[in-house]
Amino acid sequence: MPYTVTQTSLPEVLILEPKVFGDARGFFFESFNARDFAQCTGLDVQFVQDNHSKSSKGVLRGLHYQIEHPQGKLVRVTLGEVFDVTVDLRRSSQTFGKWEGVVLSADNKRQLWIPPGFAHGFVTLSDSAEFLYKTTDYYHPEHERCLLWSDPAIGVQWPIDGQPLLAAKDMAGLPLGTAATFG
């Protein structure tokens, strides 16, 4: 198998660890193969967009989602290290309002599958980090929403000291009790 797949405390959120081939010259791995992804996860998804961001230490992005045209995301880090977080926003789910956090780094090469219906964000732990992700639907800014990163009702344990660096939209995130959620 090209990936080792591990279920998280949110059963639909999966950690994928690729098979890495390395020697004195460096390493090689397939970061994505549709056939292998389907075989290893049991998921039949089609990715339509790739995104790439760079963030400095202490930058927190999220917790973002699209209330219409929800996106599934396959995320990974190619430089540095982040603490990646996802929150289940599906009211009909037994894990509604629960979160999962995973360290993703260039060194561990882990990827995280986040299904549609979940909010997503991360905080940069290293001096800088480059973050790549595939999405199952296109970006629709008119449907983008932001869940408050520090909502005590969710209780994400971000591994940071003090206040993170936030964009205005992330400072204005809504708490779970008033945020738009999924059925």
Protein backbone atom coordinates (compact mmCIF):
# COMPACT_ATOMS: atom_id res chain seq x y z
CA MET A 1 0.00 0.00 0.00
CA PRO A 2 1.31 3.46 -0.87
CA TYR A 3 -0.22 5.04 2.27
CA THR A 4 -0.71 4.05 5.85
CA VAL A 5 -4.15 5.37 6.82
CA THR A 6 -5.04 6.12 10.46
CA GLN A 7 -8.48 7.10 11.68
CA THR A 8 -8.64 10.00 14.13
CA SER A 9 -11.10 10.65 16.96
CA LEU A 10 -13.34 12.10 14.22
CA PRO A 11 -13.83 8.88 12.23
CA GLU A 12 -14.11 10.52 8.80
CA VAL A 13 -10.93 12.58 9.30
CA LEU A 14 -7.96 10.48 8.21
CA ILE A 15 -4.18 10.75 8.60
CA LEU A 16 -2.32 9.48 5.55
CA GLU A 17 1.36 8.65 5.78
CA PRO A 18 2.93 8.03 2.38
CA LYS A 19 5.51 5.39 1.63
CA VAL A 20 8.75 7.36 1.33
CA PHE A 21 11.79 6.12 -0.56
CA GLY A 22 14.99 7.74 0.62
CA ASP A 23 18.75 7.42 0.35
CA ALA A 24 21.82 9.63 0.62
CA ARG A 25 20.56 11.75 -2.30
CA GLY A 26 17.24 12.65 -0.68
CA PHE A 27 13.75 11.14 -0.93
CA PHE A 28 10.83 10.46 -3.26
CA PHE A 29 7.16 9.77 -2.63
CA GLU A 30 3.91 10.08 -4.51
CA SER A 31 2.05 12.87 -2.75
CA PHE A 32 -1.19 11.96 -4.53
CA ASN A 33 -2.44 9.15 -6.76
CA ALA A 34 -6.22 9.01 -7.26
CA ARG A 35 -6.38 5.23 -7.63
CA ASP A 36 -4.24 4.59 -4.54
CA PHE A 37 -6.09 7.23 -2.50
CA ALA A 38 -9.43 5.55 -3.31
CA GLN A 39 -8.05 2.09 -2.55
CA CYS A 40 -6.50 3.11 0.79
CA THR A 41 -9.34 5.29 2.07
CA GLY A 42 -12.41 3.84 0.39
CA LEU A 43 -13.25 7.37 -0.79
CA ASP A 44 -14.12 8.30 -4.34
CA VAL A 45 -13.39 12.04 -4.48
CA GLN A 46 -12.41 14.36 -7.27
CA PHE A 47 -10.11 17.27 -6.53
CA VAL A 48 -10.65 20.43 -8.56
CA GLN A 49 -8.29 23.00 -7.03
CA ASP A 50 -4.83 23.10 -5.42
CA ASN A 51 -3.87 25.88 -2.97
CA HIS A 52 -0.48 26.84 -1.55
CA SER A 53 0.18 29.25 1.34
CA LYS A 54 3.20 30.41 3.30
CA SER A 55 2.93 31.58 6.90
CA SER A 56 5.30 32.88 9.58
CA LYS A 57 5.60 31.45 13.07
CA GLY A 58 2.52 32.13 15.18
CA VAL A 59 0.20 32.77 12.23
CA LEU A 60 -3.17 31.10 12.75
CA ARG A 61 -5.40 30.63 9.71
CA GLY A 62 -8.96 29.50 10.30
CA LEU A 63 -11.19 27.94 11.21
CA HIS A 64 -12.58 28.22 7.66
CA TYR A 65 -15.34 26.45 5.76
CA GLN A 66 -17.85 27.07 2.97
CA ILE A 67 -21.50 26.78 4.02
CA GLU A 68 -22.52 26.18 0.39
CA HIS A 69 -20.21 24.26 -1.94
CA PRO A 70 -18.48 22.64 1.08
CA GLN A 71 -14.96 21.47 0.35
CA GLY A 72 -13.24 18.25 1.22
CA LYS A 73 -9.52 18.95 1.70
CA LEU A 74 -6.35 16.89 1.51
CA VAL A 75 -3.73 18.98 3.31
CA ARG A 76 0.03 18.70 3.82
CA VAL A 77 3.11 20.76 4.68
CA THR A 78 6.15 21.00 2.39
CA LEU A 79 8.27 23.34 4.53
CA GLY A 80 8.21 23.70 8.29
CA GLU A 81 5.59 22.50 10.76
CA VAL A 82 1.98 23.34 11.66
CA PHE A 83 -0.64 22.20 14.12
CA ASP A 84 -3.62 21.42 11.90
CA VAL A 85 -7.15 21.48 13.32
CA THR A 86 -10.54 20.41 12.05
CA VAL A 87 -13.96 20.79 13.70
CA ASP A 88 -17.06 18.77 12.83
CA LEU A 89 -19.87 21.19 11.90
CA ARG A 90 -22.47 18.58 10.90
CA ARG A 91 -25.37 18.87 13.38
CA SER A 92 -26.52 15.32 12.57
CA SER A 93 -23.11 13.87 13.50
CA GLN A 94 -22.31 12.26 16.85
CA THR A 95 -19.07 14.27 16.82
CA PHE A 96 -20.69 17.67 16.12
CA GLY A 97 -18.58 20.44 17.69
CA LYS A 98 -15.65 18.10 18.38
CA TRP A 99 -12.17 18.86 17.12
CA GLU A 100 -9.05 16.98 16.11
CA GLY A 101 -5.50 18.36 15.93
CA VAL A 102 -2.54 16.82 14.13
CA VAL A 103 1.05 18.01 13.64
CA LEU A 104 1.87 18.11 9.95
CA SER A 105 5.42 18.82 8.86
CA ALA A 106 7.84 18.59 5.97
CA ASP A 107 9.68 15.97 8.03
CA ASN A 108 6.77 13.64 8.86
CA LYS A 109 5.17 14.07 5.39
CA ARG A 110 1.75 13.31 6.85
CA GLN A 111 -1.38 14.36 5.02
CA LEU A 112 -4.80 14.94 6.53
CA TRP A 113 -8.12 14.23 4.80
CA ILE A 114 -10.83 16.62 5.98
CA PRO A 115 -14.27 15.81 4.56
CA PRO A 116 -16.90 18.40 3.56
CA GLY A 117 -18.86 19.67 6.57
CA PHE A 118 -15.80 20.41 8.72
CA ALA A 119 -14.11 23.72 9.57
CA HIS A 120 -10.34 23.77 9.09
CA GLY A 121 -7.40 25.83 10.30
CA PHE A 122 -3.80 25.66 11.39
CA VAL A 123 -1.17 27.52 13.37
CA THR A 124 2.46 27.69 12.24
CA LEU A 125 4.87 26.19 14.78
CA SER A 126 8.15 26.63 12.86
CA ASP A 127 9.78 29.91 11.76
CA SER A 128 7.77 29.58 8.55
CA ALA A 129 5.68 26.92 6.86
CA GLU A 130 4.42 26.21 3.38
CA PHE A 131 1.04 24.54 3.30
CA LEU A 132 -0.51 22.78 0.29
CA TYR A 133 -4.02 21.47 -0.07
CA LYS A 134 -6.33 19.97 -2.64
CA THR A 135 -10.05 20.74 -2.55
CA THR A 136 -13.09 18.89 -3.85
CA ASP A 137 -14.93 22.09 -4.77
CA TYR A 138 -13.90 25.53 -5.94
CA TYR A 139 -13.42 28.51 -3.66
CA HIS A 140 -16.63 30.55 -3.38
CA PRO A 141 -15.85 33.64 -1.25
CA GLU A 142 -19.54 34.50 -0.87
CA HIS A 143 -20.06 31.20 0.97
CA GLU A 144 -16.91 31.29 3.10
CA ARG A 145 -17.49 31.30 6.84
CA CYS A 146 -15.15 31.39 9.82
CA LEU A 147 -15.59 29.62 13.13
CA LEU A 148 -13.98 31.41 16.09
CA TRP A 149 -10.58 29.80 16.63
CA SER A 150 -10.73 30.35 20.42
CA ASP A 151 -14.36 29.38 21.08
CA PRO A 152 -14.40 27.82 24.58
CA ALA A 153 -17.40 25.68 23.57
CA ILE A 154 -15.05 23.83 21.21
CA GLY A 155 -11.93 24.10 23.36
CA VAL A 156 -9.17 23.62 20.79
CA GLN A 157 -5.87 23.24 22.63
CA TRP A 158 -3.64 25.29 20.31
CA PRO A 159 0.06 24.69 21.16
CA ILE A 160 0.93 28.39 21.32
CA ASP A 161 1.90 30.91 23.96
CA GLY A 162 -0.06 34.14 23.85
CA GLN A 163 -2.10 35.50 20.97
CA PRO A 164 -1.56 34.20 17.44
CA LEU A 165 -1.23 36.46 14.40
CA LEU A 166 -4.69 36.59 12.80
CA ALA A 167 -6.28 38.04 9.69
CA ALA A 168 -9.27 40.33 10.24
CA LYS A 169 -11.69 37.64 9.04
CA ASP A 170 -10.27 35.16 11.55
CA MET A 171 -10.60 37.67 14.40
CA ALA A 172 -14.26 38.05 13.42
CA GLY A 173 -15.01 34.31 13.47
CA LEU A 174 -18.29 33.27 15.05
CA PRO A 175 -18.66 30.91 18.03
CA LEU A 176 -20.22 27.51 17.40
CA GLY A 177 -23.51 28.58 19.01
CA THR A 178 -24.14 31.27 16.36
CA ALA A 179 -22.11 30.02 13.39
CA ALA A 180 -23.78 28.60 10.32
CA THR A 181 -23.51 24.79 10.41
CA PHE A 182 -24.48 21.82 8.28
CA GLY A 183 -27.58 19.59 8.65
